[in-house]
Each structure stands twice: as structure tokens, then as C-alpha cells.
């Protein structure tokens, strides 16, 4: 049996490759490599947030955008309900729910008491396979719950 022109194993491998991209995206943002997020996108890739009209297009613009993240930002994104749909041998789409915990003014080694998430929403992604590798073509941020990033006092300790 085939789905979208793929046998079940090909479909499963495509779904897993797209899931890994989703998880690699947040790992790079949260664990100190934000400027490299651009490598996960197609050369003409787009990140957008329709709420405030933000749209970043192309790898160099994405590198500058994500690389401008404050050095003292501490964040962790919890992703769940990842649903990847393979549309063809070279295209797929996904919806991923997330919650972001984030503060600015963090000092390495400082333990921060738990806070409520700064943002809760979902990503709507499209993927393209180029030269055998799956990449993000578009990532749209849908954010029904959000607020400003808290800035910690001086040393990063409340």
C-alpha cells in the first residue's frame, strides 16, 4: 500500500526527518546556537509571525534574525503534538504545539525559580526535500497566548 506515492517506510522516514528538524530548531535556539537555525531552512526559507507582520526570508536574513538573540536569554521550548503529513515524495507539512519558558538577564549557573510560560502556541511548517535532505521551507508562528520576556535583576537571581 502506498500513501502520497510513498511506500510506508519512505513515508515514515520522511515524517521522522521532519520531526527531527522541528526538534533541532528548538534545541539550537535554547542551547546556544541560534544563528545556526538558518541552516535548517531552504535557501529561500521563511519564518513569519502574522500577529505583528514579522517576516524573515532567506538564510542570511534568518541567520541575522536568530543570531541577534540576547546573549543573556535563557529559554526552553516544550514541543508536543507534532503531526507531520507527507504530501509528496519531496513535500510535507506539520503542526507542532509549544510552550516557551524564557527570561533575559540570566547568569550562567544561576538556578531560576519556575515561571509560567512566556508564550503558548503552535508552529505551522512546510518542508521540502532538496538533494535528499528535508528542510524547513516555511515556519509560521501562531501565538494565541503571549507576553513580554521577563528581565531578571542584576545577577540573574530574583
C-alpha atoms as a PDB file:
ATOM      1  CA  UNK A   1       0.000   0.000   0.000  1.00  0.00           C
ATOM      2  CA  UNK A   2       1.291   3.479  -0.828  1.00  0.00           C
ATOM      3  CA  UNK A   3       0.380   6.886   0.551  1.00  0.00           C
ATOM      4  CA  UNK A   4       1.113  10.019  -1.468  1.00  0.00           C
ATOM      5  CA  UNK A   5       3.284   7.989  -3.816  1.00  0.00           C
ATOM      6  CA  UNK A   6       5.453   6.622  -0.990  1.00  0.00           C
ATOM      7  CA  UNK A   7       5.643   3.175   0.493  1.00  0.00           C
ATOM      8  CA  UNK A   8       5.021   3.085   4.257  1.00  0.00           C
ATOM      9  CA  UNK A   9       8.739   3.003   5.130  1.00  0.00           C
ATOM     10  CA  UNK A  10       9.550   6.006   2.927  1.00  0.00           C
ATOM     11  CA  UNK A  11       6.648   7.912   4.477  1.00  0.00           C
ATOM     12  CA  UNK A  12       7.796   7.004   7.993  1.00  0.00           C
ATOM     13  CA  UNK A  13      11.364   8.122   7.241  1.00  0.00           C
ATOM     14  CA  UNK A  14      10.117  11.423   5.799  1.00  0.00           C
ATOM     15  CA  UNK A  15       7.913  12.038   8.849  1.00  0.00           C
ATOM     16  CA  UNK A  16      10.794  11.303  11.215  1.00  0.00           C
ATOM     17  CA  UNK A  17      13.190  13.574   9.306  1.00  0.00           C
ATOM     18  CA  UNK A  18      10.692  16.440   9.570  1.00  0.00           C
ATOM     19  CA  UNK A  19      10.123  15.760  13.286  1.00  0.00           C
ATOM     20  CA  UNK A  20      13.888  15.916  13.863  1.00  0.00           C
ATOM     21  CA  UNK A  21      14.037  19.298  12.106  1.00  0.00           C
ATOM     22  CA  UNK A  22      11.339  20.615  14.432  1.00  0.00           C
ATOM     23  CA  UNK A  23      13.249  19.418  17.485  1.00  0.00           C
ATOM     24  CA  UNK A  24      16.635  20.568  16.174  1.00  0.00           C
ATOM     25  CA  UNK A  25      15.203  24.053  15.623  1.00  0.00           C
ATOM     26  CA  UNK A  26      14.269  24.481  19.290  1.00  0.00           C
ATOM     27  CA  UNK A  27      17.475  22.793  20.518  1.00  0.00           C
ATOM     28  CA  UNK A  28      19.572  25.313  18.611  1.00  0.00           C
ATOM     29  CA  UNK A  29      17.547  28.250  19.928  1.00  0.00           C
ATOM     30  CA  UNK A  30      17.529  27.050  23.526  1.00  0.00           C
ATOM     31  CA  UNK A  31      21.041  25.650  23.855  1.00  0.00           C
ATOM     32  CA  UNK A  32      23.168  28.411  22.416  1.00  0.00           C
ATOM     33  CA  UNK A  33      23.355  28.058  18.643  1.00  0.00           C
ATOM     34  CA  UNK A  34      20.552  30.401  17.476  1.00  0.00           C
ATOM     35  CA  UNK A  35      22.454  31.782  14.476  1.00  0.00           C
ATOM     36  CA  UNK A  36      22.692  28.277  13.000  1.00  0.00           C
ATOM     37  CA  UNK A  37      18.912  27.848  12.854  1.00  0.00           C
ATOM     38  CA  UNK A  38      19.108  29.234   9.303  1.00  0.00           C
ATOM     39  CA  UNK A  39      20.845  26.022   8.180  1.00  0.00           C
ATOM     40  CA  UNK A  40      17.608  24.110   8.806  1.00  0.00           C
ATOM     41  CA  UNK A  41      15.744  26.171   6.183  1.00  0.00           C
ATOM     42  CA  UNK A  42      15.723  26.021   2.404  1.00  0.00           C
ATOM     43  CA  UNK A  43      17.801  28.822   0.795  1.00  0.00           C
ATOM     44  CA  UNK A  44      14.574  30.809   0.303  1.00  0.00           C
ATOM     45  CA  UNK A  45      13.112  29.716   3.652  1.00  0.00           C
ATOM     46  CA  UNK A  46      10.672  31.940   5.552  1.00  0.00           C
ATOM     47  CA  UNK A  47       9.949  32.454   9.252  1.00  0.00           C
ATOM     48  CA  UNK A  48       6.893  34.573   9.948  1.00  0.00           C
ATOM     49  CA  UNK A  49       4.701  35.768  12.755  1.00  0.00           C
ATOM     50  CA  UNK A  50       1.487  37.182  11.238  1.00  0.00           C
ATOM     51  CA  UNK A  51       0.425  38.748  14.577  1.00  0.00           C
ATOM     52  CA  UNK A  52       2.849  41.646  14.185  1.00  0.00           C
ATOM     53  CA  UNK A  53       3.656  41.292  10.486  1.00  0.00           C
ATOM     54  CA  UNK A  54       7.152  39.919  11.087  1.00  0.00           C
ATOM     55  CA  UNK A  55       8.554  38.025   8.097  1.00  0.00           C
ATOM     56  CA  UNK A  56      12.166  36.942   7.648  1.00  0.00           C
ATOM     57  CA  UNK A  57      13.132  35.419   4.300  1.00  0.00           C
ATOM     58  CA  UNK A  58      16.349  33.765   3.111  1.00  0.00           C
ATOM     59  CA  UNK A  59      19.182  32.122   5.024  1.00  0.00           C
ATOM     60  CA  UNK A  60      21.287  35.240   5.587  1.00  0.00           C
ATOM     61  CA  UNK A  61      18.312  37.195   6.918  1.00  0.00           C
ATOM     62  CA  UNK A  62      17.385  34.222   9.125  1.00  0.00           C
ATOM     63  CA  UNK A  63      20.978  33.996  10.414  1.00  0.00           C
ATOM     64  CA  UNK A  64      20.920  37.699  11.349  1.00  0.00           C
ATOM     65  CA  UNK A  65      17.459  37.482  12.913  1.00  0.00           C
ATOM     66  CA  UNK A  66      18.022  34.410  15.075  1.00  0.00           C
ATOM     67  CA  UNK A  67      21.657  35.347  15.751  1.00  0.00           C
ATOM     68  CA  UNK A  68      20.508  38.634  17.318  1.00  0.00           C
ATOM     69  CA  UNK A  69      19.010  36.782  20.264  1.00  0.00           C
ATOM     70  CA  UNK A  70      20.226  38.362  23.551  1.00  0.00           C
ATOM     71  CA  UNK A  71      23.273  36.522  24.930  1.00  0.00           C
ATOM     72  CA  UNK A  72      21.760  36.524  28.447  1.00  0.00           C
ATOM     73  CA  UNK A  73      18.462  34.916  27.369  1.00  0.00           C
ATOM     74  CA  UNK A  74      17.581  31.616  28.990  1.00  0.00           C
ATOM     75  CA  UNK A  75      14.801  29.698  27.261  1.00  0.00           C
ATOM     76  CA  UNK A  76      13.337  26.244  26.972  1.00  0.00           C
ATOM     77  CA  UNK A  77      10.651  25.307  24.485  1.00  0.00           C
ATOM     78  CA  UNK A  78       8.459  22.300  25.153  1.00  0.00           C
ATOM     79  CA  UNK A  79       7.122  20.848  21.894  1.00  0.00           C
ATOM     80  CA  UNK A  80       4.308  18.333  21.704  1.00  0.00           C
ATOM     81  CA  UNK A  81       1.516  17.073  19.454  1.00  0.00           C
ATOM     82  CA  UNK A  82       3.810  17.033  16.414  1.00  0.00           C
ATOM     83  CA  UNK A  83       1.736  15.973  13.430  1.00  0.00           C
ATOM     84  CA  UNK A  84       3.635  15.617  10.155  1.00  0.00           C
ATOM     85  CA  UNK A  85       1.749  14.960   6.931  1.00  0.00           C
ATOM     86  CA  UNK A  86       3.769  13.910   3.906  1.00  0.00           C
ATOM     87  CA  UNK A  87       2.173  15.434   0.818  1.00  0.00           C
ATOM     88  CA  UNK A  88       4.531  14.038  -1.830  1.00  0.00           C
ATOM     89  CA  UNK A  89       7.980  12.459  -2.028  1.00  0.00           C
ATOM     90  CA  UNK A  90       9.501  15.947  -1.640  1.00  0.00           C
ATOM     91  CA  UNK A  91       6.966  17.990   0.368  1.00  0.00           C
ATOM     92  CA  UNK A  92       5.404  17.751   3.797  1.00  0.00           C
ATOM     93  CA  UNK A  93       3.677  19.926   6.375  1.00  0.00           C
ATOM     94  CA  UNK A  94       3.371  19.827  10.151  1.00  0.00           C
ATOM     95  CA  UNK A  95       1.656  21.368  13.125  1.00  0.00           C
ATOM     96  CA  UNK A  96       3.502  21.444  16.461  1.00  0.00           C
ATOM     97  CA  UNK A  97       2.200  22.794  19.763  1.00  0.00           C
ATOM     98  CA  UNK A  98       4.702  24.524  22.050  1.00  0.00           C
ATOM     99  CA  UNK A  99       5.176  26.376  25.335  1.00  0.00           C
ATOM    100  CA  UNK A 100       8.168  28.699  25.796  1.00  0.00           C
ATOM    101  CA  UNK A 101       9.735  29.425  29.160  1.00  0.00           C
ATOM    102  CA  UNK A 102      12.050  32.433  28.835  1.00  0.00           C
ATOM    103  CA  UNK A 103      13.876  35.129  30.814  1.00  0.00           C
ATOM    104  CA  UNK A 104      16.536  37.706  29.945  1.00  0.00           C
ATOM    105  CA  UNK A 105      19.318  38.742  32.325  1.00  0.00           C
ATOM    106  CA  UNK A 106      20.320  35.171  33.121  1.00  0.00           C
ATOM    107  CA  UNK A 107      23.784  34.453  34.538  1.00  0.00           C
ATOM    108  CA  UNK A 108      25.351  31.070  33.709  1.00  0.00           C
ATOM    109  CA  UNK A 109      24.999  28.671  36.601  1.00  0.00           C
ATOM    110  CA  UNK A 110      22.141  30.581  38.243  1.00  0.00           C
ATOM    111  CA  UNK A 111      19.103  28.474  39.062  1.00  0.00           C
ATOM    112  CA  UNK A 112      15.881  30.290  38.197  1.00  0.00           C
ATOM    113  CA  UNK A 113      12.692  29.515  40.139  1.00  0.00           C
ATOM    114  CA  UNK A 114       9.942  28.165  37.858  1.00  0.00           C
ATOM    115  CA  UNK A 115       7.779  30.638  35.982  1.00  0.00           C
ATOM    116  CA  UNK A 116       4.713  30.468  33.827  1.00  0.00           C
ATOM    117  CA  UNK A 117       5.388  30.120  30.097  1.00  0.00           C
ATOM    118  CA  UNK A 118       6.065  33.375  28.237  1.00  0.00           C
ATOM    119  CA  UNK A 119       4.306  32.001  25.143  1.00  0.00           C
ATOM    120  CA  UNK A 120       1.994  29.158  24.224  1.00  0.00           C
ATOM    121  CA  UNK A 121       1.018  28.439  20.656  1.00  0.00           C
ATOM    122  CA  UNK A 122       1.798  26.306  17.655  1.00  0.00           C
ATOM    123  CA  UNK A 123       4.011  26.267  14.597  1.00  0.00           C
ATOM    124  CA  UNK A 124       2.667  25.627  11.108  1.00  0.00           C
ATOM    125  CA  UNK A 125       5.528  24.303   8.998  1.00  0.00           C
ATOM    126  CA  UNK A 126       6.086  23.299   5.397  1.00  0.00           C
ATOM    127  CA  UNK A 127       9.067  21.201   4.340  1.00  0.00           C
ATOM    128  CA  UNK A 128      10.854  20.492   1.089  1.00  0.00           C
ATOM    129  CA  UNK A 129      13.331  17.765   0.343  1.00  0.00           C
ATOM    130  CA  UNK A 130      16.334  19.119  -1.543  1.00  0.00           C
ATOM    131  CA  UNK A 131      19.134  16.826  -2.694  1.00  0.00           C
ATOM    132  CA  UNK A 132      17.821  14.102  -0.379  1.00  0.00           C
ATOM    133  CA  UNK A 133      17.657  16.284   2.765  1.00  0.00           C
ATOM    134  CA  UNK A 134      14.479  17.580   4.371  1.00  0.00           C
ATOM    135  CA  UNK A 135      14.497  21.308   5.218  1.00  0.00           C
ATOM    136  CA  UNK A 136      12.007  23.844   6.536  1.00  0.00           C
ATOM    137  CA  UNK A 137      10.511  25.886   3.704  1.00  0.00           C
ATOM    138  CA  UNK A 138       8.242  27.976   5.928  1.00  0.00           C
ATOM    139  CA  UNK A 139       7.620  28.274   9.647  1.00  0.00           C
ATOM    140  CA  UNK A 140       4.617  30.293  10.761  1.00  0.00           C
ATOM    141  CA  UNK A 141       4.249  31.117  14.448  1.00  0.00           C
ATOM    142  CA  UNK A 142       0.666  31.126  15.743  1.00  0.00           C
ATOM    143  CA  UNK A 143       0.661  32.638  19.217  1.00  0.00           C
ATOM    144  CA  UNK A 144      -2.705  32.919  20.998  1.00  0.00           C
ATOM    145  CA  UNK A 145      -1.047  33.261  24.443  1.00  0.00           C
ATOM    146  CA  UNK A 146       1.999  35.506  24.828  1.00  0.00           C
ATOM    147  CA  UNK A 147       3.657  38.181  26.850  1.00  0.00           C
ATOM    148  CA  UNK A 148       6.895  40.108  27.208  1.00  0.00           C
ATOM    149  CA  UNK A 149      10.123  38.406  28.199  1.00  0.00           C
ATOM    150  CA  UNK A 150      10.863  38.953  31.879  1.00  0.00           C
ATOM    151  CA  UNK A 151      14.210  40.617  32.665  1.00  0.00           C
ATOM    152  CA  UNK A 152      15.904  39.344  35.835  1.00  0.00           C
ATOM    153  CA  UNK A 153      17.532  41.766  38.245  1.00  0.00           C
ATOM    154  CA  UNK A 154      21.339  42.251  38.137  1.00  0.00           C
ATOM    155  CA  UNK A 155      22.975  38.887  38.760  1.00  0.00           C
ATOM    156  CA  UNK A 156      20.188  36.876  37.179  1.00  0.00           C
ATOM    157  CA  UNK A 157      18.889  35.843  40.578  1.00  0.00           C
ATOM    158  CA  UNK A 158      15.460  37.067  41.647  1.00  0.00           C
END
